[in-house]
Amino acid sequence: MGDVSKWIVGAAVAVLALIGLIVAAKAQDSTMYWVGLAIFVFAIGFIFNMVKRNFDAADQKP
């Protein structure tokens, strides 16, 4: 995956995280609240994993 595409994926997942928070904030019942929080947690975990893989790849370069 190229550098630009990594930034695009990261930005898209960050937008998804914000949408998850908005869903949780506007929820009328507990199910949508938890779904919104789950989307947020998944997206943040995905972004942290992207950062980890980037640093691991940088350590592999001579």
N, C-alpha and C. Protein backbone atom coordinates (compact mmCIF):
# COMPACT_ATOMS: atom_id res chain seq x y z
N MET A 1 0.86 -1.17 0.00
CA MET A 1 0.00 0.00 0.00
C MET A 1 0.90 1.23 0.00
N GLY A 2 0.60 2.17 -0.89
CA GLY A 2 1.42 3.38 -0.98
C GLY A 2 1.19 4.32 0.19
N ASP A 3 2.06 5.31 0.27
CA ASP A 3 1.97 6.26 1.38
C ASP A 3 0.68 7.07 1.33
N VAL A 4 0.29 7.50 0.14
CA VAL A 4 -0.92 8.32 0.02
C VAL A 4 -2.16 7.49 0.36
N SER A 5 -2.19 6.25 -0.09
CA SER A 5 -3.36 5.42 0.19
C SER A 5 -3.47 5.12 1.68
N LYS A 6 -2.35 5.02 2.38
CA LYS A 6 -2.42 4.83 3.84
C LYS A 6 -3.04 6.04 4.52
N TRP A 7 -2.70 7.24 4.04
CA TRP A 7 -3.29 8.44 4.61
C TRP A 7 -4.78 8.51 4.31
N ILE A 8 -5.17 8.10 3.12
CA ILE A 8 -6.59 8.13 2.75
C ILE A 8 -7.39 7.15 3.61
N VAL A 9 -6.85 5.95 3.78
CA VAL A 9 -7.52 4.95 4.62
C VAL A 9 -7.60 5.44 6.06
N GLY A 10 -6.53 6.01 6.57
CA GLY A 10 -6.53 6.53 7.94
C GLY A 10 -7.55 7.64 8.12
N ALA A 11 -7.65 8.53 7.14
CA ALA A 11 -8.63 9.62 7.23
C ALA A 11 -10.06 9.07 7.17
N ALA A 12 -10.29 8.09 6.30
CA ALA A 12 -11.62 7.50 6.19
C ALA A 12 -12.02 6.80 7.49
N VAL A 13 -11.08 6.11 8.12
CA VAL A 13 -11.39 5.43 9.37
C VAL A 13 -11.59 6.45 10.49
N ALA A 14 -10.87 7.55 10.45
CA ALA A 14 -11.08 8.60 11.45
C ALA A 14 -12.47 9.20 11.31
N VAL A 15 -12.93 9.39 10.08
CA VAL A 15 -14.29 9.89 9.86
C VAL A 15 -15.30 8.86 10.38
N LEU A 16 -15.03 7.58 10.15
CA LEU A 16 -15.90 6.53 10.66
C LEU A 16 -15.96 6.57 12.19
N ALA A 17 -14.82 6.84 12.83
CA ALA A 17 -14.80 6.95 14.29
C ALA A 17 -15.68 8.11 14.76
N LEU A 18 -15.59 9.23 14.07
CA LEU A 18 -16.43 10.37 14.43
C LEU A 18 -17.91 10.07 14.22
N ILE A 19 -18.22 9.36 13.15
CA ILE A 19 -19.61 8.97 12.92
C ILE A 19 -20.10 8.06 14.05
N GLY A 20 -19.23 7.16 14.51
CA GLY A 20 -19.59 6.30 15.63
C GLY A 20 -19.89 7.09 16.88
N LEU A 21 -19.10 8.12 17.15
CA LEU A 21 -19.37 8.96 18.32
C LEU A 21 -20.68 9.74 18.16
N ILE A 22 -20.95 10.20 16.96
CA ILE A 22 -22.20 10.92 16.72
C ILE A 22 -23.40 9.99 16.90
N VAL A 23 -23.27 8.76 16.39
CA VAL A 23 -24.35 7.78 16.57
C VAL A 23 -24.59 7.52 18.06
N ALA A 24 -23.50 7.37 18.82
CA ALA A 24 -23.64 7.13 20.26
C ALA A 24 -24.27 8.33 20.97
N ALA A 25 -23.89 9.53 20.55
CA ALA A 25 -24.41 10.72 21.21
C ALA A 25 -25.90 10.94 20.92
N LYS A 26 -26.32 10.59 19.72
CA LYS A 26 -27.70 10.82 19.31
C LYS A 26 -28.60 9.61 19.53
N ALA A 27 -28.08 8.58 20.16
CA ALA A 27 -28.84 7.32 20.31
C ALA A 27 -30.07 7.52 21.18
N GLN A 28 -31.14 6.88 20.77
CA GLN A 28 -32.39 6.91 21.52
C GLN A 28 -32.54 5.69 22.43
N ASP A 29 -31.78 4.64 22.15
CA ASP A 29 -31.83 3.43 22.98
C ASP A 29 -30.41 2.94 23.23
N SER A 30 -30.29 2.02 24.14
CA SER A 30 -28.95 1.57 24.54
C SER A 30 -28.24 0.77 23.45
N THR A 31 -29.00 0.12 22.57
CA THR A 31 -28.35 -0.67 21.52
C THR A 31 -27.57 0.22 20.57
N MET A 32 -28.16 1.29 20.12
CA MET A 32 -27.45 2.19 19.21
C MET A 32 -26.30 2.90 19.91
N TYR A 33 -26.45 3.17 21.19
CA TYR A 33 -25.36 3.76 21.96
C TYR A 33 -24.14 2.85 21.94
N TRP A 34 -24.37 1.57 22.23
CA TRP A 34 -23.25 0.63 22.27
C TRP A 34 -22.69 0.34 20.89
N VAL A 35 -23.54 0.34 19.88
CA VAL A 35 -23.06 0.16 18.50
C VAL A 35 -22.16 1.33 18.11
N GLY A 36 -22.57 2.53 18.43
CA GLY A 36 -21.74 3.71 18.14
C GLY A 36 -20.40 3.67 18.85
N LEU A 37 -20.42 3.28 20.11
CA LEU A 37 -19.15 3.17 20.84
C LEU A 37 -18.28 2.05 20.29
N ALA A 38 -18.90 0.95 19.88
CA ALA A 38 -18.13 -0.16 19.31
C ALA A 38 -17.47 0.26 17.99
N ILE A 39 -18.19 1.01 17.16
CA ILE A 39 -17.61 1.52 15.92
C ILE A 39 -16.43 2.42 16.23
N PHE A 40 -16.58 3.29 17.20
CA PHE A 40 -15.50 4.20 17.60
C PHE A 40 -14.27 3.43 18.08
N VAL A 41 -14.48 2.46 18.96
CA VAL A 41 -13.35 1.69 19.51
C VAL A 41 -12.66 0.89 18.41
N PHE A 42 -13.44 0.28 17.51
CA PHE A 42 -12.85 -0.46 16.40
C PHE A 42 -12.00 0.47 15.53
N ALA A 43 -12.53 1.65 15.21
CA ALA A 43 -11.81 2.57 14.33
C ALA A 43 -10.52 3.06 14.97
N ILE A 44 -10.56 3.39 16.25
CA ILE A 44 -9.35 3.85 16.94
C ILE A 44 -8.33 2.72 17.02
N GLY A 45 -8.80 1.50 17.31
CA GLY A 45 -7.89 0.36 17.31
C GLY A 45 -7.25 0.13 15.95
N PHE A 46 -8.02 0.30 14.89
CA PHE A 46 -7.50 0.14 13.53
C PHE A 46 -6.43 1.19 13.24
N ILE A 47 -6.66 2.43 13.66
CA ILE A 47 -5.68 3.49 13.43
C ILE A 47 -4.41 3.23 14.23
N PHE A 48 -4.54 2.79 15.49
CA PHE A 48 -3.35 2.47 16.27
C PHE A 48 -2.57 1.31 15.64
N ASN A 49 -3.29 0.35 15.06
CA ASN A 49 -2.62 -0.76 14.39
C ASN A 49 -1.89 -0.28 13.14
N MET A 50 -2.46 0.68 12.42
CA MET A 50 -1.77 1.25 11.27
C MET A 50 -0.48 1.95 11.68
N VAL A 51 -0.53 2.68 12.78
CA VAL A 51 0.67 3.37 13.28
C VAL A 51 1.72 2.35 13.69
N LYS A 52 1.30 1.28 14.37
CA LYS A 52 2.23 0.24 14.81
C LYS A 52 2.92 -0.41 13.61
N ARG A 53 2.12 -0.77 12.59
CA ARG A 53 2.70 -1.40 11.40
C ARG A 53 3.67 -0.47 10.70
N ASN A 54 3.39 0.83 10.70
CA ASN A 54 4.30 1.78 10.07
C ASN A 54 5.63 1.84 10.82
N PHE A 55 5.59 1.89 12.14
CA PHE A 55 6.83 1.92 12.91
C PHE A 55 7.59 0.60 12.81
N ASP A 56 6.86 -0.52 12.76
CA ASP A 56 7.53 -1.81 12.59
C ASP A 56 8.22 -1.89 11.23
N ALA A 57 7.58 -1.38 10.20
CA ALA A 57 8.20 -1.37 8.86
C ALA A 57 9.42 -0.47 8.83
N ALA A 58 9.36 0.64 9.55
CA ALA A 58 10.51 1.54 9.60
C ALA A 58 11.69 0.90 10.32
N ASP A 59 11.41 0.05 11.33
CA ASP A 59 12.48 -0.65 12.04
C ASP A 59 13.13 -1.72 11.17
N GLN A 60 12.40 -2.28 10.21
CA GLN A 60 12.92 -3.33 9.35
C GLN A 60 13.88 -2.79 8.30
N LYS A 61 13.77 -1.52 7.94
CA LYS A 61 14.64 -0.94 6.91
C LYS A 61 16.04 -0.78 7.47
N PRO A 62 17.04 -1.11 6.64
CA PRO A 62 18.44 -0.99 7.11
C PRO A 62 18.93 0.43 7.22
